[in-house]
C-alpha atoms as a PDB file:
ATOM      1  CA  MET A   1     -18.702  38.244  49.841  1.00  0.00           C
ATOM      2  CA  THR A   2     -21.920  36.505  49.186  1.00  0.00           C
ATOM      3  CA  SER A   3     -22.377  33.716  46.613  1.00  0.00           C
ATOM      4  CA  SER A   4     -24.406  36.029  44.363  1.00  0.00           C
ATOM      5  CA  THR A   5     -21.417  38.385  43.952  1.00  0.00           C
ATOM      6  CA  LEU A   6     -19.022  35.539  43.186  1.00  0.00           C
ATOM      7  CA  ASP A   7     -21.173  34.107  40.471  1.00  0.00           C
ATOM      8  CA  LYS A   8     -21.488  37.377  38.500  1.00  0.00           C
ATOM      9  CA  PRO A   9     -18.839  38.162  35.895  1.00  0.00           C
ATOM     10  CA  ALA A  10     -17.088  41.507  35.845  1.00  0.00           C
ATOM     11  CA  ALA A  11     -19.262  44.333  34.602  1.00  0.00           C
ATOM     12  CA  GLU A  12     -19.582  44.217  30.860  1.00  0.00           C
ATOM     13  CA  PRO A  13     -21.971  46.120  28.665  1.00  0.00           C
ATOM     14  CA  GLU A  14     -24.479  43.343  28.160  1.00  0.00           C
ATOM     15  CA  GLY A  15     -26.113  44.845  25.050  1.00  0.00           C
ATOM     16  CA  GLU A  16     -22.829  45.235  23.134  1.00  0.00           C
ATOM     17  CA  ARG A  17     -21.545  41.752  24.158  1.00  0.00           C
ATOM     18  CA  SER A  18     -24.698  39.928  23.080  1.00  0.00           C
ATOM     19  CA  TRP A  19     -24.928  41.881  19.820  1.00  0.00           C
ATOM     20  CA  LEU A  20     -21.304  40.984  18.932  1.00  0.00           C
ATOM     21  CA  ARG A  21     -21.910  37.330  19.734  1.00  0.00           C
ATOM     22  CA  ALA A  22     -25.046  37.292  17.620  1.00  0.00           C
ATOM     23  CA  HIS A  23     -23.208  38.812  14.669  1.00  0.00           C
ATOM     24  CA  SER A  24     -19.855  37.042  14.981  1.00  0.00           C
ATOM     25  CA  GLU A  25     -19.850  36.204  11.283  1.00  0.00           C
ATOM     26  CA  LEU A  26     -19.064  39.887  10.587  1.00  0.00           C
ATOM     27  CA  GLY A  27     -15.455  39.042  11.508  1.00  0.00           C
ATOM     28  CA  ILE A  28     -15.292  36.789   8.462  1.00  0.00           C
ATOM     29  CA  CYS A  29     -16.824  39.619   6.377  1.00  0.00           C
ATOM     30  CA  LEU A  30     -14.057  41.903   7.535  1.00  0.00           C
ATOM     31  CA  LEU A  31     -11.406  39.351   6.741  1.00  0.00           C
ATOM     32  CA  LEU A  32     -12.774  38.784   3.274  1.00  0.00           C
ATOM     33  CA  LEU A  33     -13.071  42.463   2.661  1.00  0.00           C
ATOM     34  CA  ALA A  34      -9.411  43.064   3.816  1.00  0.00           C
ATOM     35  CA  VAL A  35      -8.099  40.240   1.592  1.00  0.00           C
ATOM     36  CA  GLY A  36     -10.192  41.522  -1.376  1.00  0.00           C
ATOM     37  CA  VAL A  37      -8.905  45.036  -0.969  1.00  0.00           C
ATOM     38  CA  LEU A  38      -5.309  43.772  -0.636  1.00  0.00           C
ATOM     39  CA  VAL A  39      -5.642  41.687  -3.767  1.00  0.00           C
ATOM     40  CA  LEU A  40      -7.160  44.594  -5.756  1.00  0.00           C
ATOM     41  CA  THR A  41      -4.458  47.102  -4.618  1.00  0.00           C
ATOM     42  CA  ASP A  42      -1.741  44.647  -5.467  1.00  0.00           C
ATOM     43  CA  ALA A  43      -3.333  43.681  -8.851  1.00  0.00           C
ATOM     44  CA  LEU A  44      -3.693  47.327  -9.953  1.00  0.00           C
ATOM     45  CA  GLN A  45       0.050  47.835  -9.342  1.00  0.00           C
ATOM     46  CA  ILE A  46       1.085  44.993 -11.699  1.00  0.00           C
ATOM     47  CA  PRO A  47       2.878  46.473 -14.730  1.00  0.00           C
ATOM     48  CA  THR A  48       1.306  45.359 -17.924  1.00  0.00           C
ATOM     49  CA  ASP A  49       3.930  46.218 -20.483  1.00  0.00           C
ATOM     50  CA  PHE A  50       6.113  43.152 -19.994  1.00  0.00           C
ATOM     51  CA  ALA A  51       3.550  40.361 -20.277  1.00  0.00           C
ATOM     52  CA  GLN A  52       0.659  41.803 -22.201  1.00  0.00           C
ATOM     53  CA  ARG A  53      -0.273  39.547 -25.028  1.00  0.00           C
ATOM     54  CA  GLY A  54      -3.739  40.142 -26.392  1.00  0.00           C
ATOM     55  CA  PRO A  55      -6.629  41.709 -24.627  1.00  0.00           C
ATOM     56  CA  VAL A  56      -6.263  39.871 -21.314  1.00  0.00           C
ATOM     57  CA  GLY A  57      -3.223  40.925 -19.340  1.00  0.00           C
ATOM     58  CA  PRO A  58      -1.719  39.824 -16.015  1.00  0.00           C
ATOM     59  CA  LYS A  59      -4.117  42.035 -14.110  1.00  0.00           C
ATOM     60  CA  ALA A  60      -7.288  40.341 -15.233  1.00  0.00           C
ATOM     61  CA  VAL A  61      -7.503  37.364 -12.876  1.00  0.00           C
ATOM     62  CA  PRO A  62      -6.339  39.081  -9.720  1.00  0.00           C
ATOM     63  CA  VAL A  63      -8.810  41.982 -10.349  1.00  0.00           C
ATOM     64  CA  VAL A  64     -11.719  39.521 -10.839  1.00  0.00           C
ATOM     65  CA  VAL A  65     -10.725  37.580  -7.681  1.00  0.00           C
ATOM     66  CA  GLY A  66     -10.341  40.743  -5.577  1.00  0.00           C
ATOM     67  CA  THR A  67     -13.628  42.117  -6.899  1.00  0.00           C
ATOM     68  CA  LEU A  68     -15.435  38.883  -6.109  1.00  0.00           C
ATOM     69  CA  LEU A  69     -13.910  38.722  -2.578  1.00  0.00           C
ATOM     70  CA  VAL A  70     -15.141  42.263  -1.840  1.00  0.00           C
ATOM     71  CA  LEU A  71     -18.566  41.442  -3.328  1.00  0.00           C
ATOM     72  CA  VAL A  72     -18.919  38.257  -1.298  1.00  0.00           C
ATOM     73  CA  SER A  73     -17.905  40.061   1.893  1.00  0.00           C
ATOM     74  CA  LEU A  74     -20.503  42.742   1.313  1.00  0.00           C
ATOM     75  CA  LEU A  75     -23.300  40.223   0.496  1.00  0.00           C
ATOM     76  CA  LEU A  76     -22.363  38.149   3.545  1.00  0.00           C
ATOM     77  CA  ALA A  77     -22.368  41.202   5.814  1.00  0.00           C
ATOM     78  CA  ARG A  78     -25.807  42.173   4.472  1.00  0.00           C
ATOM     79  CA  ASP A  79     -27.129  38.655   5.136  1.00  0.00           C
ATOM     80  CA  VAL A  80     -25.696  38.657   8.718  1.00  0.00           C
ATOM     81  CA  LEU A  81     -27.136  42.055   9.476  1.00  0.00           C
ATOM     82  CA  ARG A  82     -30.576  40.910   8.230  1.00  0.00           C
ATOM     83  CA  GLY A  83     -30.484  37.984  10.700  1.00  0.00           C
ATOM     84  CA  GLY A  84     -28.819  35.277   8.612  1.00  0.00           C
ATOM     85  CA  LYS A  85     -26.952  32.777  10.690  1.00  0.00           C
ATOM     86  CA  GLY A  86     -24.556  30.003   9.698  1.00  0.00           C
ATOM     87  CA  GLU A  87     -25.727  26.498  10.495  1.00  0.00           C
ATOM     88  CA  ALA A  88     -23.783  24.367  12.887  1.00  0.00           C
ATOM     89  CA  GLU A  89     -22.014  21.291  11.500  1.00  0.00           C
ATOM     90  CA  ALA A  90     -24.475  18.510  11.076  1.00  0.00           C
ATOM     91  CA  GLY A  91     -22.380  15.969   9.151  1.00  0.00           C
ATOM     92  CA  GLU A  92     -22.960  12.246   9.681  1.00  0.00           C
ATOM     93  CA  ASP A  93     -19.342  11.362  10.352  1.00  0.00           C
ATOM     94  CA  VAL A  94     -18.464  14.302  12.451  1.00  0.00           C
ATOM     95  CA  ASP A  95     -18.236  14.034  16.227  1.00  0.00           C
ATOM     96  CA  LEU A  96     -18.635  17.606  17.406  1.00  0.00           C
ATOM     97  CA  ASP A  97     -17.649  16.705  20.969  1.00  0.00           C
ATOM     98  CA  ALA A  98     -14.331  15.180  19.986  1.00  0.00           C
ATOM     99  CA  PRO A  99     -11.220  17.252  20.587  1.00  0.00           C
ATOM    100  CA  ALA A 100      -9.006  18.411  17.729  1.00  0.00           C
ATOM    101  CA  ASP A 101      -6.407  15.933  16.493  1.00  0.00           C
ATOM    102  CA  TRP A 102      -3.342  18.103  17.021  1.00  0.00           C
ATOM    103  CA  ARG A 103      -0.956  15.247  16.180  1.00  0.00           C
ATOM    104  CA  THR A 104      -2.341  14.998  12.672  1.00  0.00           C
ATOM    105  CA  VAL A 105      -2.327  18.752  12.245  1.00  0.00           C
ATOM    106  CA  LEU A 106       1.275  18.983  13.426  1.00  0.00           C
ATOM    107  CA  LEU A 107       2.465  16.034  11.199  1.00  0.00           C
ATOM    108  CA  LEU A 108       0.765  17.644   8.160  1.00  0.00           C
ATOM    109  CA  SER A 109       2.279  21.007   8.974  1.00  0.00           C
ATOM    110  CA  GLY A 110       5.691  19.442   9.413  1.00  0.00           C
ATOM    111  CA  ALA A 111       5.462  17.611   6.037  1.00  0.00           C
ATOM    112  CA  PHE A 112       4.527  20.880   4.374  1.00  0.00           C
ATOM    113  CA  LEU A 113       7.316  22.856   6.065  1.00  0.00           C
ATOM    114  CA  LEU A 114       9.849  20.125   5.247  1.00  0.00           C
ATOM    115  CA  ASN A 115       8.846  20.376   1.659  1.00  0.00           C
ATOM    116  CA  ALA A 116       9.344  24.127   1.697  1.00  0.00           C
ATOM    117  CA  ALA A 117      12.801  23.693   3.274  1.00  0.00           C
ATOM    118  CA  LEU A 118      13.912  20.996   0.936  1.00  0.00           C
ATOM    119  CA  ILE A 119      12.591  22.063  -2.436  1.00  0.00           C
ATOM    120  CA  ASP A 120      15.629  24.209  -3.353  1.00  0.00           C
ATOM    121  CA  LEU A 121      18.084  21.576  -1.979  1.00  0.00           C
ATOM    122  CA  VAL A 122      16.774  18.357  -3.498  1.00  0.00           C
ATOM    123  CA  GLY A 123      14.314  19.678  -6.092  1.00  0.00           C
ATOM    124  CA  PHE A 124      10.559  19.471  -6.459  1.00  0.00           C
ATOM    125  CA  PRO A 125      10.188  15.756  -7.253  1.00  0.00           C
ATOM    126  CA  ILE A 126      12.006  14.512  -4.203  1.00  0.00           C
ATOM    127  CA  SER A 127      10.737  17.175  -1.739  1.00  0.00           C
ATOM    128  CA  SER A 128       7.114  16.788  -2.821  1.00  0.00           C
ATOM    129  CA  ALA A 129       7.386  12.969  -2.707  1.00  0.00           C
ATOM    130  CA  ILE A 130       8.493  13.346   0.923  1.00  0.00           C
ATOM    131  CA  MET A 131       5.584  15.734   1.530  1.00  0.00           C
ATOM    132  CA  PHE A 132       3.018  13.401  -0.107  1.00  0.00           C
ATOM    133  CA  TRP A 133       4.330  10.410   1.858  1.00  0.00           C
ATOM    134  CA  GLY A 134       4.281  12.491   5.101  1.00  0.00           C
ATOM    135  CA  ALA A 135       0.721  13.550   4.415  1.00  0.00           C
ATOM    136  CA  SER A 136      -0.431  10.016   3.845  1.00  0.00           C
ATOM    137  CA  TYR A 137       1.371   8.915   7.079  1.00  0.00           C
ATOM    138  CA  ALA A 138      -0.153  11.731   9.027  1.00  0.00           C
ATOM    139  CA  LEU A 139      -3.639  10.876   7.763  1.00  0.00           C
ATOM    140  CA  GLY A 140      -3.297   7.242   8.888  1.00  0.00           C
ATOM    141  CA  SER A 141      -1.892   5.168   6.064  1.00  0.00           C
ATOM    142  CA  ARG A 142       0.706   2.649   7.157  1.00  0.00           C
ATOM    143  CA  HIS A 143       1.679   0.942   3.952  1.00  0.00           C
ATOM    144  CA  PHE A 144       5.482   1.518   4.069  1.00  0.00           C
ATOM    145  CA  VAL A 145       6.223   0.222   0.586  1.00  0.00           C
ATOM    146  CA  ARG A 146       3.149   1.338  -1.346  1.00  0.00           C
ATOM    147  CA  ASP A 147       2.862   4.846   0.040  1.00  0.00           C
ATOM    148  CA  PRO A 148       6.353   6.043  -0.951  1.00  0.00           C
ATOM    149  CA  LEU A 149       5.944   4.563  -4.398  1.00  0.00           C
ATOM    150  CA  ILE A 150       2.627   6.291  -4.939  1.00  0.00           C
ATOM    151  CA  SER A 151       4.013   9.487  -3.599  1.00  0.00           C
ATOM    152  CA  ALA A 152       6.996   9.332  -5.969  1.00  0.00           C
ATOM    153  CA  VAL A 153       4.735   8.664  -8.954  1.00  0.00           C
ATOM    154  CA  ILE A 154       2.395  11.563  -8.065  1.00  0.00           C
ATOM    155  CA  SER A 155       5.307  13.813  -7.501  1.00  0.00           C
ATOM    156  CA  LEU A 156       6.896  12.966 -10.877  1.00  0.00           C
ATOM    157  CA  ILE A 157       3.620  13.327 -12.757  1.00  0.00           C
ATOM    158  CA  THR A 158       3.056  16.715 -11.027  1.00  0.00           C
ATOM    159  CA  TRP A 159       6.562  17.912 -11.914  1.00  0.00           C
ATOM    160  CA  PHE A 160       6.223  16.716 -15.511  1.00  0.00           C
ATOM    161  CA  VAL A 161       2.807  18.412 -15.954  1.00  0.00           C
ATOM    162  CA  PHE A 162       4.029  21.751 -14.593  1.00  0.00           C
ATOM    163  CA  ASN A 163       7.549  21.727 -16.043  1.00  0.00           C
ATOM    164  CA  GLU A 164       7.010  20.161 -19.477  1.00  0.00           C
ATOM    165  CA  LEU A 165       3.360  20.695 -20.408  1.00  0.00           C
ATOM    166  CA  LEU A 166       2.538  24.039 -18.679  1.00  0.00           C
ATOM    167  CA  GLY A 167       6.047  25.594 -18.951  1.00  0.00           C
ATOM    168  CA  VAL A 168       6.241  26.451 -15.231  1.00  0.00           C
ATOM    169  CA  ALA A 169       9.857  25.781 -14.282  1.00  0.00           C
ATOM    170  CA  LEU A 170      10.150  23.769 -11.042  1.00  0.00           C
ATOM    171  CA  PRO A 171      13.441  22.900  -9.559  1.00  0.00           C
ATOM    172  CA  GLY A 172      14.473  19.377 -10.599  1.00  0.00           C
ATOM    173  CA  GLY A 173      17.369  19.064  -8.113  1.00  0.00           C
ATOM    174  CA  PRO A 174      19.673  16.090  -8.665  1.00  0.00           C
ATOM    175  CA  LEU A 175      17.144  14.437 -10.925  1.00  0.00           C
ATOM    176  CA  MET A 176      17.480  17.241 -13.467  1.00  0.00           C
ATOM    177  CA  GLY A 177      19.887  15.266 -15.656  1.00  0.00           C
ATOM    178  CA  VAL A 178      17.822  12.059 -15.368  1.00  0.00           C
ATOM    179  CA  LEU A 179      14.390  13.648 -16.049  1.00  0.00           C
END
């Protein structure tokens, strides 16, 4: 084999490959369209007789969101097919050559999953306080007295707003009798 045959990639249709690379944003358009159609089909299956109070029922917001997702996907696809291209990140504080910080991603994911696992066992205030503290630790804060206190306060305020003011019942866990 000569060096020229070793350097060439396997035979690919060059026209199709370059067109797909030039229009890669169409993948996002398809994703938005699929999510929009899914939201619309689910929204149209919501029964309205149990929660209908006044002219706006439970279908209103999901139908608006689904319609807007479909509309945005179509407008984005039109823009991409007309030559529109997303700009590369040009932020001041972003090092585009730096590798991803997988440790932070994994710690944040772990804090979120731990919250999901604990919420029924210990209630929302305790599980979300653990999640908030885990998120602050994952993002670099190392104040081991202040961070748990702030996390507990944020968690209790969030529980109070949802449970008492908005009427959305969140599990209180062992704190149910105290709160």
